[in-house]
Amino acid sequence: FTRSATFVRDADGSIAAGVFATPKHDDVIYPGAFWIDNFAVRPDCHGRSLGQFVLNELVKTLAGLYPGKDSCAYVRRDRRDAVGDYEAMNFVPFEFWIDAQIAI
């Protein structure tokens, strides 16, 4: 994942936004696809288009490193900012069977 990790730092050097992707070779739905994991924008940095920026940089990196591979992401529907960032990048939504975190 280190080759795909994308971060934006603010003026004091702390991470303002970040994302990375990992290959899932055993995935049943999209075998060999890269799944975007740990996409986050620090709450005090919302509304600055950082989410779209890091996603765009990640997609460009993946396309350069692994041409022809799909990129997928799990996103909770109630995370409207993240959903909007993915939609702005032309990701196509699909329904998945789980919609909540389960504490074990």
PDB file of N, CA and C in Angstrom:
ATOM      1  N   PHE A   1       0.809  -1.208   0.000  1.00  0.00           N
ATOM      2  CA  PHE A   1       0.000   0.000   0.000  1.00  0.00           C
ATOM      3  C   PHE A   1       0.843   1.259   0.000  1.00  0.00           C
ATOM      4  N   THR A   2       2.102   1.165   0.377  1.00  0.00           N
ATOM      5  CA  THR A   2       2.912   2.376   0.495  1.00  0.00           C
ATOM      6  C   THR A   2       3.096   3.091  -0.834  1.00  0.00           C
ATOM      7  N   ARG A   3       3.027   2.364  -1.936  1.00  0.00           N
ATOM      8  CA  ARG A   3       3.174   3.007  -3.245  1.00  0.00           C
ATOM      9  C   ARG A   3       1.951   3.847  -3.596  1.00  0.00           C
ATOM     10  N   SER A   4       0.805   3.545  -2.991  1.00  0.00           N
ATOM     11  CA  SER A   4      -0.408   4.289  -3.322  1.00  0.00           C
ATOM     12  C   SER A   4      -0.773   5.321  -2.262  1.00  0.00           C
ATOM     13  N   ALA A   5      -0.115   5.323  -1.124  1.00  0.00           N
ATOM     14  CA  ALA A   5      -0.480   6.242  -0.044  1.00  0.00           C
ATOM     15  C   ALA A   5      -0.339   7.686  -0.515  1.00  0.00           C
ATOM     16  N   THR A   6      -1.383   8.466  -0.276  1.00  0.00           N
ATOM     17  CA  THR A   6      -1.428   9.862  -0.698  1.00  0.00           C
ATOM     18  C   THR A   6      -1.865  10.708   0.494  1.00  0.00           C
ATOM     19  N   PHE A   7      -1.079  11.710   0.834  1.00  0.00           N
ATOM     20  CA  PHE A   7      -1.390  12.561   1.979  1.00  0.00           C
ATOM     21  C   PHE A   7      -1.248  14.024   1.598  1.00  0.00           C
ATOM     22  N   VAL A   8      -1.990  14.870   2.306  1.00  0.00           N
ATOM     23  CA  VAL A   8      -1.843  16.318   2.206  1.00  0.00           C
ATOM     24  C   VAL A   8      -1.537  16.799   3.618  1.00  0.00           C
ATOM     25  N   ARG A   9      -0.494  17.578   3.741  1.00  0.00           N
ATOM     26  CA  ARG A   9      -0.119  18.133   5.046  1.00  0.00           C
ATOM     27  C   ARG A   9      -0.437  19.626   5.074  1.00  0.00           C
ATOM     28  N   ASP A  10      -0.772  20.112   6.269  1.00  0.00           N
ATOM     29  CA  ASP A  10      -1.024  21.545   6.378  1.00  0.00           C
ATOM     30  C   ASP A  10       0.286  22.270   6.693  1.00  0.00           C
ATOM     31  N   ALA A  11       0.215  23.566   6.942  1.00  0.00           N
ATOM     32  CA  ALA A  11       1.419  24.387   7.089  1.00  0.00           C
ATOM     33  C   ALA A  11       2.330  23.924   8.225  1.00  0.00           C
ATOM     34  N   ASP A  12       1.763  23.352   9.287  1.00  0.00           N
ATOM     35  CA  ASP A  12       2.607  22.902  10.401  1.00  0.00           C
ATOM     36  C   ASP A  12       3.090  21.460  10.233  1.00  0.00           C
ATOM     37  N   GLY A  13       2.765  20.844   9.096  1.00  0.00           N
ATOM     38  CA  GLY A  13       3.253  19.501   8.798  1.00  0.00           C
ATOM     39  C   GLY A  13       2.349  18.366   9.219  1.00  0.00           C
ATOM     40  N   SER A  14       1.233  18.665   9.888  1.00  0.00           N
ATOM     41  CA  SER A  14       0.330  17.583  10.282  1.00  0.00           C
ATOM     42  C   SER A  14      -0.546  17.172   9.097  1.00  0.00           C
ATOM     43  N   ILE A  15      -0.959  15.920   9.100  1.00  0.00           N
ATOM     44  CA  ILE A  15      -1.747  15.391   7.984  1.00  0.00           C
ATOM     45  C   ILE A  15      -3.155  15.970   8.015  1.00  0.00           C
ATOM     46  N   ALA A  16      -3.570  16.565   6.901  1.00  0.00           N
ATOM     47  CA  ALA A  16      -4.908  17.140   6.770  1.00  0.00           C
ATOM     48  C   ALA A  16      -5.857  16.179   6.068  1.00  0.00           C
ATOM     49  N   ALA A  17      -5.325  15.350   5.168  1.00  0.00           N
ATOM     50  CA  ALA A  17      -6.143  14.379   4.436  1.00  0.00           C
ATOM     51  C   ALA A  17      -5.228  13.265   3.945  1.00  0.00           C
ATOM     52  N   GLY A  18      -5.811  12.082   3.804  1.00  0.00           N
ATOM     53  CA  GLY A  18      -5.014  10.968   3.312  1.00  0.00           C
ATOM     54  C   GLY A  18      -5.869   9.814   2.842  1.00  0.00           C
ATOM     55  N   VAL A  19      -5.247   8.953   2.044  1.00  0.00           N
ATOM     56  CA  VAL A  19      -5.953   7.797   1.493  1.00  0.00           C
ATOM     57  C   VAL A  19      -4.913   6.809   0.976  1.00  0.00           C
ATOM     58  N   PHE A  20      -5.253   5.521   0.974  1.00  0.00           N
ATOM     59  CA  PHE A  20      -4.423   4.540   0.285  1.00  0.00           C
ATOM     60  C   PHE A  20      -5.294   3.401  -0.195  1.00  0.00           C
ATOM     61  N   ALA A  21      -4.750   2.589  -1.080  1.00  0.00           N
ATOM     62  CA  ALA A  21      -5.492   1.465  -1.655  1.00  0.00           C
ATOM     63  C   ALA A  21      -4.670   0.193  -1.523  1.00  0.00           C
ATOM     64  N   THR A  22      -5.373  -0.928  -1.392  1.00  0.00           N
ATOM     65  CA  THR A  22      -4.716  -2.232  -1.303  1.00  0.00           C
ATOM     66  C   THR A  22      -5.361  -3.184  -2.296  1.00  0.00           C
ATOM     67  N   PRO A  23      -4.566  -4.068  -2.895  1.00  0.00           N
ATOM     68  CA  PRO A  23      -5.146  -5.054  -3.824  1.00  0.00           C
ATOM     69  C   PRO A  23      -5.866  -6.147  -3.055  1.00  0.00           C
ATOM     70  N   LYS A  24      -6.987  -6.603  -3.587  1.00  0.00           N
ATOM     71  CA  LYS A  24      -7.743  -7.705  -2.987  1.00  0.00           C
ATOM     72  C   LYS A  24      -7.859  -8.796  -4.039  1.00  0.00           C
ATOM     73  N   HIS A  25      -6.861  -9.648  -4.105  1.00  0.00           N
ATOM     74  CA  HIS A  25      -6.823 -10.688  -5.133  1.00  0.00           C
ATOM     75  C   HIS A  25      -7.892 -11.752  -4.939  1.00  0.00           C
ATOM     76  N   ASP A  26      -8.395 -11.905  -3.709  1.00  0.00           N
ATOM     77  CA  ASP A  26      -9.397 -12.932  -3.439  1.00  0.00           C
ATOM     78  C   ASP A  26     -10.821 -12.390  -3.474  1.00  0.00           C
ATOM     79  N   ASP A  27     -10.995 -11.155  -3.914  1.00  0.00           N
ATOM     80  CA  ASP A  27     -12.321 -10.549  -3.953  1.00  0.00           C
ATOM     81  C   ASP A  27     -13.212 -11.285  -4.936  1.00  0.00           C
ATOM     82  N   VAL A  28     -14.425 -11.596  -4.513  1.00  0.00           N
ATOM     83  CA  VAL A  28     -15.358 -12.345  -5.350  1.00  0.00           C
ATOM     84  C   VAL A  28     -16.023 -11.446  -6.384  1.00  0.00           C
ATOM     85  N   ILE A  29     -16.350 -10.225  -6.002  1.00  0.00           N
ATOM     86  CA  ILE A  29     -17.081  -9.322  -6.891  1.00  0.00           C
ATOM     87  C   ILE A  29     -16.161  -8.727  -7.954  1.00  0.00           C
ATOM     88  N   TYR A  30     -15.018  -8.214  -7.534  1.00  0.00           N
ATOM     89  CA  TYR A  30     -14.058  -7.580  -8.447  1.00  0.00           C
ATOM     90  C   TYR A  30     -12.664  -8.164  -8.205  1.00  0.00           C
ATOM     91  N   PRO A  31     -12.393  -9.376  -8.700  1.00  0.00           N
ATOM     92  CA  PRO A  31     -11.088  -9.990  -8.437  1.00  0.00           C
ATOM     93  C   PRO A  31      -9.934  -9.152  -8.992  1.00  0.00           C
ATOM     94  N   GLY A  32      -8.920  -8.963  -8.161  1.00  0.00           N
ATOM     95  CA  GLY A  32      -7.746  -8.200  -8.567  1.00  0.00           C
ATOM     96  C   GLY A  32      -7.898  -6.695  -8.475  1.00  0.00           C
ATOM     97  N   ALA A  33      -9.062  -6.226  -8.059  1.00  0.00           N
ATOM     98  CA  ALA A  33      -9.291  -4.782  -7.958  1.00  0.00           C
ATOM     99  C   ALA A  33      -8.539  -4.200  -6.762  1.00  0.00           C
ATOM    100  N   PHE A  34      -8.318  -2.906  -6.818  1.00  0.00           N
ATOM    101  CA  PHE A  34      -7.763  -2.195  -5.681  1.00  0.00           C
ATOM    102  C   PHE A  34      -8.917  -1.593  -4.896  1.00  0.00           C
ATOM    103  N   TRP A  35      -8.892  -1.798  -3.596  1.00  0.00           N
ATOM    104  CA  TRP A  35      -9.928  -1.248  -2.728  1.00  0.00           C
ATOM    105  C   TRP A  35      -9.335  -0.071  -1.964  1.00  0.00           C
ATOM    106  N   ILE A  36     -10.022   1.038  -2.034  1.00  0.00           N
ATOM    107  CA  ILE A  36      -9.567   2.249  -1.370  1.00  0.00           C
ATOM    108  C   ILE A  36      -9.912   2.136   0.108  1.00  0.00           C
ATOM    109  N   ASP A  37      -8.885   2.254   0.931  1.00  0.00           N
ATOM    110  CA  ASP A  37      -9.021   2.101   2.380  1.00  0.00           C
ATOM    111  C   ASP A  37      -8.567   3.372   3.084  1.00  0.00           C
ATOM    112  N   ASN A  38      -9.104   3.568   4.263  1.00  0.00           N
ATOM    113  CA  ASN A  38      -8.626   4.632   5.141  1.00  0.00           C
ATOM    114  C   ASN A  38      -8.596   6.002   4.481  1.00  0.00           C
ATOM    115  N   PHE A  39      -9.683   6.364   3.826  1.00  0.00           N
ATOM    116  CA  PHE A  39      -9.847   7.696   3.242  1.00  0.00           C
ATOM    117  C   PHE A  39     -10.354   8.613   4.351  1.00  0.00           C
ATOM    118  N   ALA A  40      -9.588   9.644   4.651  1.00  0.00           N
ATOM    119  CA  ALA A  40      -9.990  10.536   5.738  1.00  0.00           C
ATOM    120  C   ALA A  40      -9.552  11.966   5.457  1.00  0.00           C
ATOM    121  N   VAL A  41     -10.417  12.884   5.869  1.00  0.00           N
ATOM    122  CA  VAL A  41     -10.094  14.312   5.855  1.00  0.00           C
ATOM    123  C   VAL A  41     -10.338  14.807   7.277  1.00  0.00           C
ATOM    124  N   ARG A  42      -9.353  15.449   7.850  1.00  0.00           N
ATOM    125  CA  ARG A  42      -9.486  15.949   9.210  1.00  0.00           C
ATOM    126  C   ARG A  42     -10.694  16.889   9.291  1.00  0.00           C
ATOM    127  N   PRO A  43     -11.524  16.757  10.323  1.00  0.00           N
ATOM    128  CA  PRO A  43     -12.760  17.548  10.394  1.00  0.00           C
ATOM    129  C   PRO A  43     -12.565  19.050  10.222  1.00  0.00           C
ATOM    130  N   ASP A  44     -11.497  19.609  10.757  1.00  0.00           N
ATOM    131  CA  ASP A  44     -11.300  21.056  10.622  1.00  0.00           C
ATOM    132  C   ASP A  44     -10.844  21.457   9.218  1.00  0.00           C
ATOM    133  N   CYS A  45     -10.651  20.466   8.345  1.00  0.00           N
ATOM    134  CA  CYS A  45     -10.233  20.740   6.959  1.00  0.00           C
ATOM    135  C   CYS A  45     -11.341  20.457   5.947  1.00  0.00           C
ATOM    136  N   HIS A  46     -12.533  20.113   6.427  1.00  0.00           N
ATOM    137  CA  HIS A  46     -13.648  19.864   5.510  1.00  0.00           C
ATOM    138  C   HIS A  46     -13.977  21.133   4.732  1.00  0.00           C
ATOM    139  N   GLY A  47     -14.508  20.950   3.531  1.00  0.00           N
ATOM    140  CA  GLY A  47     -14.927  22.080   2.710  1.00  0.00           C
ATOM    141  C   GLY A  47     -13.805  22.741   1.928  1.00  0.00           C
ATOM    142  N   ARG A  48     -12.630  22.116   1.899  1.00  0.00           N
ATOM    143  CA  ARG A  48     -11.492  22.702   1.180  1.00  0.00           C
ATOM    144  C   ARG A  48     -11.102  21.875  -0.042  1.00  0.00           C
ATOM    145  N   SER A  49     -11.954  20.934  -0.438  1.00  0.00           N
ATOM    146  CA  SER A  49     -11.725  20.064  -1.605  1.00  0.00           C
ATOM    147  C   SER A  49     -10.522  19.141  -1.447  1.00  0.00           C
ATOM    148  N   LEU A  50     -10.075  18.924  -0.223  1.00  0.00           N
ATOM    149  CA  LEU A  50      -8.936  18.033  -0.004  1.00  0.00           C
ATOM    150  C   LEU A  50      -9.289  16.584  -0.303  1.00  0.00           C
ATOM    151  N   GLY A  51     -10.523  16.188   0.004  1.00  0.00           N
ATOM    152  CA  GLY A  51     -10.948  14.819  -0.284  1.00  0.00           C
ATOM    153  C   GLY A  51     -10.868  14.509  -1.768  1.00  0.00           C
ATOM    154  N   GLN A  52     -11.421  15.389  -2.582  1.00  0.00           N
ATOM    155  CA  GLN A  52     -11.362  15.182  -4.032  1.00  0.00           C
ATOM    156  C   GLN A  52      -9.923  15.207  -4.526  1.00  0.00           C
ATOM    157  N   PHE A  53      -9.095  16.062  -3.937  1.00  0.00           N
ATOM    158  CA  PHE A  53      -7.703  16.147  -4.362  1.00  0.00           C
ATOM    159  C   PHE A  53      -6.961  14.839  -4.094  1.00  0.00           C
ATOM    160  N   VAL A  54      -7.053  14.308  -2.859  1.00  0.00           N
ATOM    161  CA  VAL A  54      -6.301  13.082  -2.559  1.00  0.00           C
ATOM    162  C   VAL A  54      -6.852  11.894  -3.340  1.00  0.00           C
ATOM    163  N   LEU A  55      -8.181  11.835  -3.548  1.00  0.00           N
ATOM    164  CA  LEU A  55      -8.741  10.748  -4.368  1.00  0.00           C
ATOM    165  C   LEU A  55      -8.238  10.837  -5.800  1.00  0.00           C
ATOM    166  N   ASN A  56      -8.222  12.038  -6.361  1.00  0.00           N
ATOM    167  CA  ASN A  56      -7.743  12.222  -7.725  1.00  0.00           C
ATOM    168  C   ASN A  56      -6.280  11.790  -7.846  1.00  0.00           C
ATOM    169  N   GLU A  57      -5.452  12.187  -6.899  1.00  0.00           N
ATOM    170  CA  GLU A  57      -4.036  11.806  -6.925  1.00  0.00           C
ATOM    171  C   GLU A  57      -3.878  10.293  -6.788  1.00  0.00           C
ATOM    172  N   LEU A  58      -4.679   9.668  -5.920  1.00  0.00           N
ATOM    173  CA  LEU A  58      -4.610   8.216  -5.745  1.00  0.00           C
ATOM    174  C   LEU A  58      -5.001   7.494  -7.027  1.00  0.00           C
ATOM    175  N   VAL A  59      -6.085   7.913  -7.652  1.00  0.00           N
ATOM    176  CA  VAL A  59      -6.540   7.269  -8.889  1.00  0.00           C
ATOM    177  C   VAL A  59      -5.485   7.416  -9.981  1.00  0.00           C
ATOM    178  N   LYS A  60      -4.870   8.588 -10.099  1.00  0.00           N
ATOM    179  CA  LYS A  60      -3.799   8.776 -11.089  1.00  0.00           C
ATOM    180  C   LYS A  60      -2.610   7.869 -10.787  1.00  0.00           C
ATOM    181  N   THR A  61      -2.255   7.750  -9.518  1.00  0.00           N
ATOM    182  CA  THR A  61      -1.138   6.882  -9.127  1.00  0.00           C
ATOM    183  C   THR A  61      -1.434   5.432  -9.465  1.00  0.00           C
ATOM    184  N   LEU A  62      -2.635   4.963  -9.108  1.00  0.00           N
ATOM    185  CA  LEU A  62      -3.003   3.572  -9.394  1.00  0.00           C
ATOM    186  C   LEU A  62      -3.032   3.303 -10.892  1.00  0.00           C
ATOM    187  N   ALA A  63      -3.568   4.248 -11.667  1.00  0.00           N
ATOM    188  CA  ALA A  63      -3.630   4.065 -13.122  1.00  0.00           C
ATOM    189  C   ALA A  63      -2.229   3.973 -13.717  1.00  0.00           C
ATOM    190  N   GLY A  64      -1.293   4.727 -13.170  1.00  0.00           N
ATOM    191  CA  GLY A  64       0.075   4.674 -13.663  1.00  0.00           C
ATOM    192  C   GLY A  64       0.809   3.408 -13.257  1.00  0.00           C
ATOM    193  N   LEU A  65       0.578   2.965 -12.022  1.00  0.00           N
ATOM    194  CA  LEU A  65       1.259   1.770 -11.520  1.00  0.00           C
ATOM    195  C   LEU A  65       0.621   0.474 -12.005  1.00  0.00           C
ATOM    196  N   TYR A  66      -0.704   0.475 -12.109  1.00  0.00           N
ATOM    197  CA  TYR A  66      -1.444  -0.750 -12.416  1.00  0.00           C
ATOM    198  C   TYR A  66      -2.499  -0.474 -13.486  1.00  0.00           C
ATOM    199  N   PRO A  67      -2.103  -0.204 -14.718  1.00  0.00           N
ATOM    200  CA  PRO A  67      -3.073   0.128 -15.763  1.00  0.00           C
ATOM    201  C   PRO A  67      -4.086  -0.997 -15.967  1.00  0.00           C
ATOM    202  N   GLY A  68      -5.334  -0.600 -16.150  1.00  0.00           N
ATOM    203  CA  GLY A  68      -6.397  -1.556 -16.431  1.00  0.00           C
ATOM    204  C   GLY A  68      -7.038  -2.184 -15.210  1.00  0.00           C
ATOM    205  N   LYS A  69      -6.524  -1.895 -14.006  1.00  0.00           N
ATOM    206  CA  LYS A  69      -7.113  -2.452 -12.786  1.00  0.00           C
ATOM    207  C   LYS A  69      -8.242  -1.553 -12.303  1.00  0.00           C
ATOM    208  N   ASP A  70      -9.314  -2.169 -11.796  1.00  0.00           N
ATOM    209  CA  ASP A  70     -10.422  -1.412 -11.224  1.00  0.00           C
ATOM    210  C   ASP A  70     -10.054  -0.896  -9.839  1.00  0.00           C
ATOM    211  N   SER A  71     -10.674   0.208  -9.445  1.00  0.00           N
ATOM    212  CA  SER A  71     -10.564   0.732  -8.090  1.00  0.00           C
ATOM    213  C   SER A  71     -11.961   0.762  -7.500  1.00  0.00           C
ATOM    214  N   CYS A  72     -12.107   0.253  -6.287  1.00  0.00           N
ATOM    215  CA  CYS A  72     -13.402   0.176  -5.613  1.00  0.00           C
ATOM    216  C   CYS A  72     -13.257   0.743  -4.203  1.00  0.00           C
ATOM    217  N   ALA A  73     -14.379   1.054  -3.578  1.00  0.00           N
ATOM    218  CA  ALA A  73     -14.347   1.578  -2.212  1.00  0.00           C
ATOM    219  C   ALA A  73     -15.624   1.199  -1.484  1.00  0.00           C
ATOM    220  N   TYR A  74     -15.485   0.911  -0.213  1.00  0.00           N
ATOM    221  CA  TYR A  74     -16.647   0.780   0.663  1.00  0.00           C
ATOM    222  C   TYR A  74     -16.864   2.137   1.311  1.00  0.00           C
ATOM    223  N   VAL A  75     -18.071   2.662   1.236  1.00  0.00           N
ATOM    224  CA  VAL A  75     -18.375   3.945   1.856  1.00  0.00           C
ATOM    225  C   VAL A  75     -19.732   3.839   2.523  1.00  0.00           C
ATOM    226  N   ARG A  76     -19.799   4.240   3.775  1.00  0.00           N
ATOM    227  CA  ARG A  76     -21.102   4.273   4.446  1.00  0.00           C
ATOM    228  C   ARG A  76     -21.951   5.369   3.814  1.00  0.00           C
ATOM    229  N   ARG A  77     -23.209   5.050   3.561  1.00  0.00           N
ATOM    230  CA  ARG A  77     -24.091   6.020   2.899  1.00  0.00           C
ATOM    231  C   ARG A  77     -24.287   7.293   3.701  1.00  0.00           C
ATOM    232  N   ASP A  78     -24.176   7.201   5.029  1.00  0.00           N
ATOM    233  CA  ASP A  78     -24.391   8.396   5.845  1.00  0.00           C
ATOM    234  C   ASP A  78     -23.182   9.335   5.838  1.00  0.00           C
ATOM    235  N   ARG A  79     -22.087   8.942   5.198  1.00  0.00           N
ATOM    236  CA  ARG A  79     -20.909   9.802   5.074  1.00  0.00           C
ATOM    237  C   ARG A  79     -21.019  10.593   3.780  1.00  0.00           C
ATOM    238  N   ARG A  80     -21.932  11.560   3.761  1.00  0.00           N
ATOM    239  CA  ARG A  80     -22.262  12.287   2.537  1.00  0.00           C
ATOM    240  C   ARG A  80     -21.057  13.004   1.919  1.00  0.00           C
ATOM    241  N   ASP A  81     -20.161  13.555   2.742  1.00  0.00           N
ATOM    242  CA  ASP A  81     -18.983  14.229   2.176  1.00  0.00           C
ATOM    243  C   ASP A  81     -18.143  13.247   1.373  1.00  0.00           C
ATOM    244  N   ALA A  82     -17.886  12.069   1.950  1.00  0.00           N
ATOM    245  CA  ALA A  82     -17.075  11.061   1.254  1.00  0.00           C
ATOM    246  C   ALA A  82     -17.791  10.552   0.014  1.00  0.00           C
ATOM    247  N   VAL A  83     -19.091  10.293   0.131  1.00  0.00           N
ATOM    248  CA  VAL A  83     -19.864   9.832  -1.028  1.00  0.00           C
ATOM    249  C   VAL A  83     -19.790  10.871  -2.139  1.00  0.00           C
ATOM    250  N   GLY A  84     -19.939  12.139  -1.785  1.00  0.00           N
ATOM    251  CA  GLY A  84     -19.851  13.211  -2.777  1.00  0.00           C
ATOM    252  C   GLY A  84     -18.489  13.273  -3.450  1.00  0.00           C
ATOM    253  N   ASP A  85     -17.426  13.050  -2.672  1.00  0.00           N
ATOM    254  CA  ASP A  85     -16.084  13.049  -3.261  1.00  0.00           C
ATOM    255  C   ASP A  85     -15.933  11.913  -4.264  1.00  0.00           C
ATOM    256  N   TYR A  86     -16.424  10.727  -3.919  1.00  0.00           N
ATOM    257  CA  TYR A  86     -16.347   9.601  -4.858  1.00  0.00           C
ATOM    258  C   TYR A  86     -17.204   9.855  -6.096  1.00  0.00           C
ATOM    259  N   GLU A  87     -18.403  10.397  -5.907  1.00  0.00           N
ATOM    260  CA  GLU A  87     -19.267  10.695  -7.056  1.00  0.00           C
ATOM    261  C   GLU A  87     -18.609  11.716  -7.977  1.00  0.00           C
ATOM    262  N   ALA A  88     -17.924  12.707  -7.406  1.00  0.00           N
ATOM    263  CA  ALA A  88     -17.236  13.710  -8.221  1.00  0.00           C
ATOM    264  C   ALA A  88     -16.116  13.086  -9.049  1.00  0.00           C
ATOM    265  N   MET A  89     -15.609  11.933  -8.607  1.00  0.00           N
ATOM    266  CA  MET A  89     -14.550  11.220  -9.334  1.00  0.00           C
ATOM    267  C   MET A  89     -15.128  10.170 -10.283  1.00  0.00           C
ATOM    268  N   ASN A  90     -16.443  10.208 -10.498  1.00  0.00           N
ATOM    269  CA  ASN A  90     -17.151   9.284 -11.395  1.00  0.00           C
ATOM    270  C   ASN A  90     -17.153   7.835 -10.929  1.00  0.00           C
ATOM    271  N   PHE A  91     -17.030   7.611  -9.612  1.00  0.00           N
ATOM    272  CA  PHE A  91     -17.233   6.266  -9.097  1.00  0.00           C
ATOM    273  C   PHE A  91     -18.709   5.931  -9.216  1.00  0.00           C
ATOM    274  N   VAL A  92     -19.020   4.689  -9.532  1.00  0.00           N
ATOM    275  CA  VAL A  92     -20.397   4.247  -9.726  1.00  0.00           C
ATOM    276  C   VAL A  92     -20.844   3.495  -8.477  1.00  0.00           C
ATOM    277  N   PRO A  93     -21.957   3.909  -7.852  1.00  0.00           N
ATOM    278  CA  PRO A  93     -22.398   3.222  -6.637  1.00  0.00           C
ATOM    279  C   PRO A  93     -22.975   1.844  -6.932  1.00  0.00           C
ATOM    280  N   PHE A  94     -22.808   0.953  -5.978  1.00  0.00           N
ATOM    281  CA  PHE A  94     -23.460  -0.351  -6.026  1.00  0.00           C
ATOM    282  C   PHE A  94     -23.876  -0.704  -4.611  1.00  0.00           C
ATOM    283  N   GLU A  95     -24.923  -1.480  -4.492  1.00  0.00           N
ATOM    284  CA  GLU A  95     -25.417  -1.872  -3.174  1.00  0.00           C
ATOM    285  C   GLU A  95     -24.580  -3.011  -2.625  1.00  0.00           C
ATOM    286  N   PHE A  96     -24.312  -2.969  -1.350  1.00  0.00           N
ATOM    287  CA  PHE A  96     -23.561  -4.025  -0.682  1.00  0.00           C
ATOM    288  C   PHE A  96     -24.375  -4.479   0.511  1.00  0.00           C
ATOM    289  N   TRP A  97     -24.163  -5.680   0.938  1.00  0.00           N
ATOM    290  CA  TRP A  97     -25.025  -6.292   1.946  1.00  0.00           C
ATOM    291  C   TRP A  97     -24.838  -5.760   3.350  1.00  0.00           C
ATOM    292  N   ILE A  98     -23.789  -5.064   3.650  1.00  0.00           N
ATOM    293  CA  ILE A  98     -23.586  -4.553   5.005  1.00  0.00           C
ATOM    294  C   ILE A  98     -23.620  -3.030   4.975  1.00  0.00           C
ATOM    295  N   ASP A  99     -24.228  -2.440   5.969  1.00  0.00           N
ATOM    296  CA  ASP A  99     -24.374  -0.994   5.985  1.00  0.00           C
ATOM    297  C   ASP A  99     -24.078  -0.417   7.366  1.00  0.00           C
ATOM    298  N   ALA A 100     -23.401  -1.181   8.201  1.00  0.00           N
ATOM    299  CA  ALA A 100     -23.108  -0.702   9.541  1.00  0.00           C
ATOM    300  C   ALA A 100     -21.890  -1.425  10.085  1.00  0.00           C
ATOM    301  N   GLN A 101     -21.294  -0.822  11.070  1.00  0.00           N
ATOM    302  CA  GLN A 101     -20.200  -1.488  11.756  1.00  0.00           C
ATOM    303  C   GLN A 101     -20.781  -2.352  12.856  1.00  0.00           C
ATOM    304  N   ILE A 102     -20.164  -3.484  13.090  1.00  0.00           N
ATOM    305  CA  ILE A 102     -20.630  -4.402  14.123  1.00  0.00           C
ATOM    306  C   ILE A 102     -19.541  -4.514  15.177  1.00  0.00           C
ATOM    307  N   ALA A 103     -19.884  -4.238  16.419  1.00  0.00           N
ATOM    308  CA  ALA A 103     -18.923  -4.377  17.517  1.00  0.00           C
ATOM    309  C   ALA A 103     -18.967  -5.808  18.029  1.00  0.00           C
ATOM    310  N   ILE A 104     -17.815  -6.425  18.088  1.00  0.00           N
ATOM    311  CA  ILE A 104     -17.743  -7.814  18.573  1.00  0.00           C
ATOM    312  C   ILE A 104     -16.942  -7.845  19.855  1.00  0.00           C
TER     313      ILE A 104
END
